Amino acid sequence: MYNQNLSINIQRFYSYCNEFYNDRFGIYPIATEIEIIRAVDKYIYSHNLRDIEFDSIDRERVRKILQPNHDFFIK
């Protein structure tokens, strides 16, 4: 059961990130769907799954993979 729930959470997280970052229809259009999938994969495989909540903080960490030099804060 745990693996099935985890799989569902990961699929929802792919969709969540895609809704935000897809370059054709996303809220912040910065990447292709393939780039988003790769960034999510990289994020998931670089963290302990118990530490991932699949929330907006994790989504922003995926964005940081997509745009490593982007900074929201003006210095």
N, C-alpha and C. Protein backbone atom coordinates (compact mmCIF):
# COMPACT_ATOMS: atom_id res chain seq x y z
N MET A 1 0.82 -1.20 0.00
CA MET A 1 0.00 0.00 0.00
C MET A 1 0.86 1.25 0.00
N TYR A 2 1.94 1.26 0.79
CA TYR A 2 2.82 2.43 0.86
C TYR A 2 3.38 2.78 -0.51
N ASN A 3 3.86 1.79 -1.25
CA ASN A 3 4.44 2.04 -2.56
C ASN A 3 3.42 2.60 -3.53
N GLN A 4 2.18 2.13 -3.45
CA GLN A 4 1.12 2.62 -4.33
C GLN A 4 0.82 4.09 -4.00
N ASN A 5 0.72 4.42 -2.72
CA ASN A 5 0.48 5.81 -2.33
C ASN A 5 1.64 6.70 -2.74
N LEU A 6 2.85 6.22 -2.59
CA LEU A 6 4.02 6.98 -2.99
C LEU A 6 4.00 7.23 -4.49
N SER A 7 3.68 6.22 -5.25
CA SER A 7 3.60 6.35 -6.71
C SER A 7 2.55 7.39 -7.10
N ILE A 8 1.42 7.37 -6.44
CA ILE A 8 0.36 8.36 -6.72
C ILE A 8 0.85 9.77 -6.36
N ASN A 9 1.52 9.91 -5.22
CA ASN A 9 2.04 11.22 -4.82
C ASN A 9 3.07 11.74 -5.81
N ILE A 10 3.92 10.87 -6.31
CA ILE A 10 4.93 11.29 -7.28
C ILE A 10 4.26 11.72 -8.59
N GLN A 11 3.28 10.97 -9.05
CA GLN A 11 2.58 11.34 -10.28
C GLN A 11 1.87 12.69 -10.11
N ARG A 12 1.25 12.89 -8.98
CA ARG A 12 0.59 14.18 -8.71
C ARG A 12 1.61 15.31 -8.66
N PHE A 13 2.79 15.03 -8.12
CA PHE A 13 3.84 16.05 -8.04
C PHE A 13 4.35 16.42 -9.43
N TYR A 14 4.51 15.43 -10.31
CA TYR A 14 4.87 15.74 -11.71
C TYR A 14 3.84 16.69 -12.31
N SER A 15 2.57 16.38 -12.13
CA SER A 15 1.49 17.22 -12.67
C SER A 15 1.51 18.61 -12.06
N TYR A 16 1.70 18.67 -10.76
CA TYR A 16 1.74 19.94 -10.03
C TYR A 16 2.86 20.83 -10.57
N CYS A 17 4.04 20.27 -10.73
CA CYS A 17 5.16 21.05 -11.26
C CYS A 17 4.92 21.45 -12.71
N ASN A 18 4.32 20.56 -13.47
CA ASN A 18 4.02 20.84 -14.87
C ASN A 18 3.02 21.99 -15.00
N GLU A 19 2.02 22.03 -14.12
CA GLU A 19 1.04 23.12 -14.13
C GLU A 19 1.70 24.47 -13.88
N PHE A 20 2.74 24.48 -13.10
CA PHE A 20 3.43 25.72 -12.78
C PHE A 20 4.46 26.12 -13.82
N TYR A 21 5.23 25.17 -14.32
CA TYR A 21 6.43 25.50 -15.07
C TYR A 21 6.41 25.15 -16.56
N ASN A 22 5.35 24.54 -17.06
CA ASN A 22 5.30 24.16 -18.47
C ASN A 22 5.34 25.41 -19.35
N ASP A 23 6.23 25.39 -20.35
CA ASP A 23 6.45 26.57 -21.18
C ASP A 23 5.30 26.87 -22.14
N ARG A 24 4.31 26.00 -22.24
CA ARG A 24 3.17 26.26 -23.11
C ARG A 24 1.95 26.76 -22.34
N PHE A 25 1.75 26.31 -21.11
CA PHE A 25 0.53 26.68 -20.39
C PHE A 25 0.74 26.92 -18.90
N GLY A 26 1.95 26.89 -18.43
CA GLY A 26 2.21 27.01 -17.00
C GLY A 26 2.04 28.42 -16.46
N ILE A 27 1.86 28.52 -15.19
CA ILE A 27 1.76 29.81 -14.51
C ILE A 27 3.06 30.58 -14.65
N TYR A 28 4.18 29.87 -14.51
CA TYR A 28 5.52 30.42 -14.74
C TYR A 28 6.17 29.58 -15.84
N PRO A 29 5.95 29.93 -17.11
CA PRO A 29 6.38 29.10 -18.23
C PRO A 29 7.90 29.13 -18.46
N ILE A 30 8.60 28.18 -17.87
CA ILE A 30 10.06 28.22 -17.93
C ILE A 30 10.71 26.96 -18.49
N ALA A 31 9.93 25.87 -18.72
CA ALA A 31 10.57 24.62 -19.13
C ALA A 31 9.60 23.74 -19.91
N THR A 32 10.17 22.86 -20.71
CA THR A 32 9.36 21.88 -21.42
C THR A 32 8.93 20.79 -20.45
N GLU A 33 7.97 19.99 -20.88
CA GLU A 33 7.52 18.90 -20.02
C GLU A 33 8.65 17.91 -19.73
N ILE A 34 9.47 17.64 -20.73
CA ILE A 34 10.60 16.72 -20.53
C ILE A 34 11.59 17.30 -19.52
N GLU A 35 11.88 18.58 -19.61
CA GLU A 35 12.80 19.22 -18.65
C GLU A 35 12.23 19.16 -17.24
N ILE A 36 10.92 19.34 -17.11
CA ILE A 36 10.27 19.27 -15.81
C ILE A 36 10.36 17.86 -15.23
N ILE A 37 10.09 16.87 -16.06
CA ILE A 37 10.18 15.47 -15.61
C ILE A 37 11.60 15.17 -15.13
N ARG A 38 12.58 15.59 -15.89
CA ARG A 38 13.98 15.35 -15.51
C ARG A 38 14.33 16.06 -14.20
N ALA A 39 13.84 17.29 -14.03
CA ALA A 39 14.12 18.04 -12.80
C ALA A 39 13.45 17.40 -11.60
N VAL A 40 12.21 16.95 -11.77
CA VAL A 40 11.52 16.27 -10.67
C VAL A 40 12.25 14.98 -10.33
N ASP A 41 12.64 14.22 -11.35
CA ASP A 41 13.39 12.98 -11.10
C ASP A 41 14.67 13.27 -10.33
N LYS A 42 15.39 14.28 -10.77
CA LYS A 42 16.64 14.64 -10.10
C LYS A 42 16.38 15.01 -8.64
N TYR A 43 15.34 15.78 -8.40
CA TYR A 43 15.00 16.19 -7.04
C TYR A 43 14.64 14.97 -6.18
N ILE A 44 13.77 14.12 -6.71
CA ILE A 44 13.32 12.95 -5.94
C ILE A 44 14.48 12.02 -5.62
N TYR A 45 15.35 11.79 -6.61
CA TYR A 45 16.46 10.85 -6.39
C TYR A 45 17.58 11.43 -5.54
N SER A 46 17.57 12.74 -5.34
CA SER A 46 18.64 13.35 -4.54
C SER A 46 18.21 13.60 -3.08
N HIS A 47 16.99 13.21 -2.74
CA HIS A 47 16.49 13.42 -1.38
C HIS A 47 15.91 12.12 -0.82
N ASN A 48 15.88 12.04 0.47
CA ASN A 48 15.22 10.94 1.14
C ASN A 48 13.71 11.12 0.96
N LEU A 49 13.04 10.12 0.45
CA LEU A 49 11.60 10.25 0.18
C LEU A 49 10.79 10.60 1.43
N ARG A 50 11.28 10.22 2.59
CA ARG A 50 10.57 10.58 3.83
C ARG A 50 10.61 12.07 4.10
N ASP A 51 11.56 12.77 3.47
CA ASP A 51 11.70 14.21 3.67
C ASP A 51 10.93 15.05 2.64
N ILE A 52 10.35 14.41 1.65
CA ILE A 52 9.63 15.12 0.60
C ILE A 52 8.15 15.13 0.94
N GLU A 53 7.58 16.33 0.96
CA GLU A 53 6.15 16.49 1.26
C GLU A 53 5.32 16.67 -0.01
N PHE A 54 5.99 16.86 -1.16
CA PHE A 54 5.32 17.10 -2.44
C PHE A 54 4.45 18.35 -2.36
N ASP A 55 4.98 19.38 -1.73
CA ASP A 55 4.24 20.63 -1.53
C ASP A 55 4.92 21.77 -2.29
N SER A 56 4.52 23.00 -1.99
CA SER A 56 5.06 24.16 -2.71
C SER A 56 6.56 24.37 -2.43
N ILE A 57 7.01 23.99 -1.28
CA ILE A 57 8.45 24.10 -0.98
C ILE A 57 9.23 23.16 -1.88
N ASP A 58 8.75 21.93 -2.01
CA ASP A 58 9.41 20.98 -2.90
C ASP A 58 9.32 21.45 -4.36
N ARG A 59 8.17 22.01 -4.75
CA ARG A 59 8.02 22.53 -6.11
C ARG A 59 9.03 23.64 -6.38
N GLU A 60 9.23 24.52 -5.43
CA GLU A 60 10.22 25.59 -5.59
C GLU A 60 11.64 25.03 -5.68
N ARG A 61 11.90 23.95 -5.01
CA ARG A 61 13.22 23.31 -5.11
C ARG A 61 13.42 22.70 -6.50
N VAL A 62 12.34 22.22 -7.10
CA VAL A 62 12.41 21.74 -8.49
C VAL A 62 12.68 22.93 -9.41
N ARG A 63 12.03 24.07 -9.16
CA ARG A 63 12.29 25.26 -9.97
C ARG A 63 13.76 25.65 -9.89
N LYS A 64 14.33 25.51 -8.73
CA LYS A 64 15.75 25.85 -8.54
C LYS A 64 16.64 24.94 -9.41
N ILE A 65 16.22 23.71 -9.62
CA ILE A 65 16.94 22.82 -10.53
C ILE A 65 16.77 23.31 -11.97
N LEU A 66 15.56 23.74 -12.30
CA LEU A 66 15.30 24.23 -13.65
C LEU A 66 16.00 25.55 -13.94
N GLN A 67 16.06 26.41 -12.95
CA GLN A 67 16.67 27.73 -13.08
C GLN A 67 17.66 27.95 -11.94
N PRO A 68 18.82 27.33 -12.02
CA PRO A 68 19.75 27.40 -10.88
C PRO A 68 20.27 28.81 -10.57
N ASN A 69 20.24 29.71 -11.53
CA ASN A 69 20.77 31.05 -11.30
C ASN A 69 19.69 32.09 -11.03
N HIS A 70 18.42 31.66 -11.04
CA HIS A 70 17.32 32.59 -10.80
C HIS A 70 17.19 32.87 -9.31
N ASP A 71 16.98 34.12 -8.98
CA ASP A 71 16.80 34.52 -7.59
C ASP A 71 15.64 35.48 -7.51
N PHE A 72 14.65 35.19 -6.68
CA PHE A 72 13.48 36.05 -6.54
C PHE A 72 13.78 37.34 -5.80
N PHE A 73 14.84 37.34 -5.04
CA PHE A 73 15.15 38.49 -4.22
C PHE A 73 16.13 39.42 -4.92
N ILE A 74 15.83 40.70 -4.91
CA ILE A 74 16.72 41.69 -5.49
C ILE A 74 17.79 42.02 -4.46
N LYS A 75 19.01 42.00 -4.88
CA LYS A 75 20.11 42.26 -3.95
C LYS A 75 20.62 43.67 -4.10
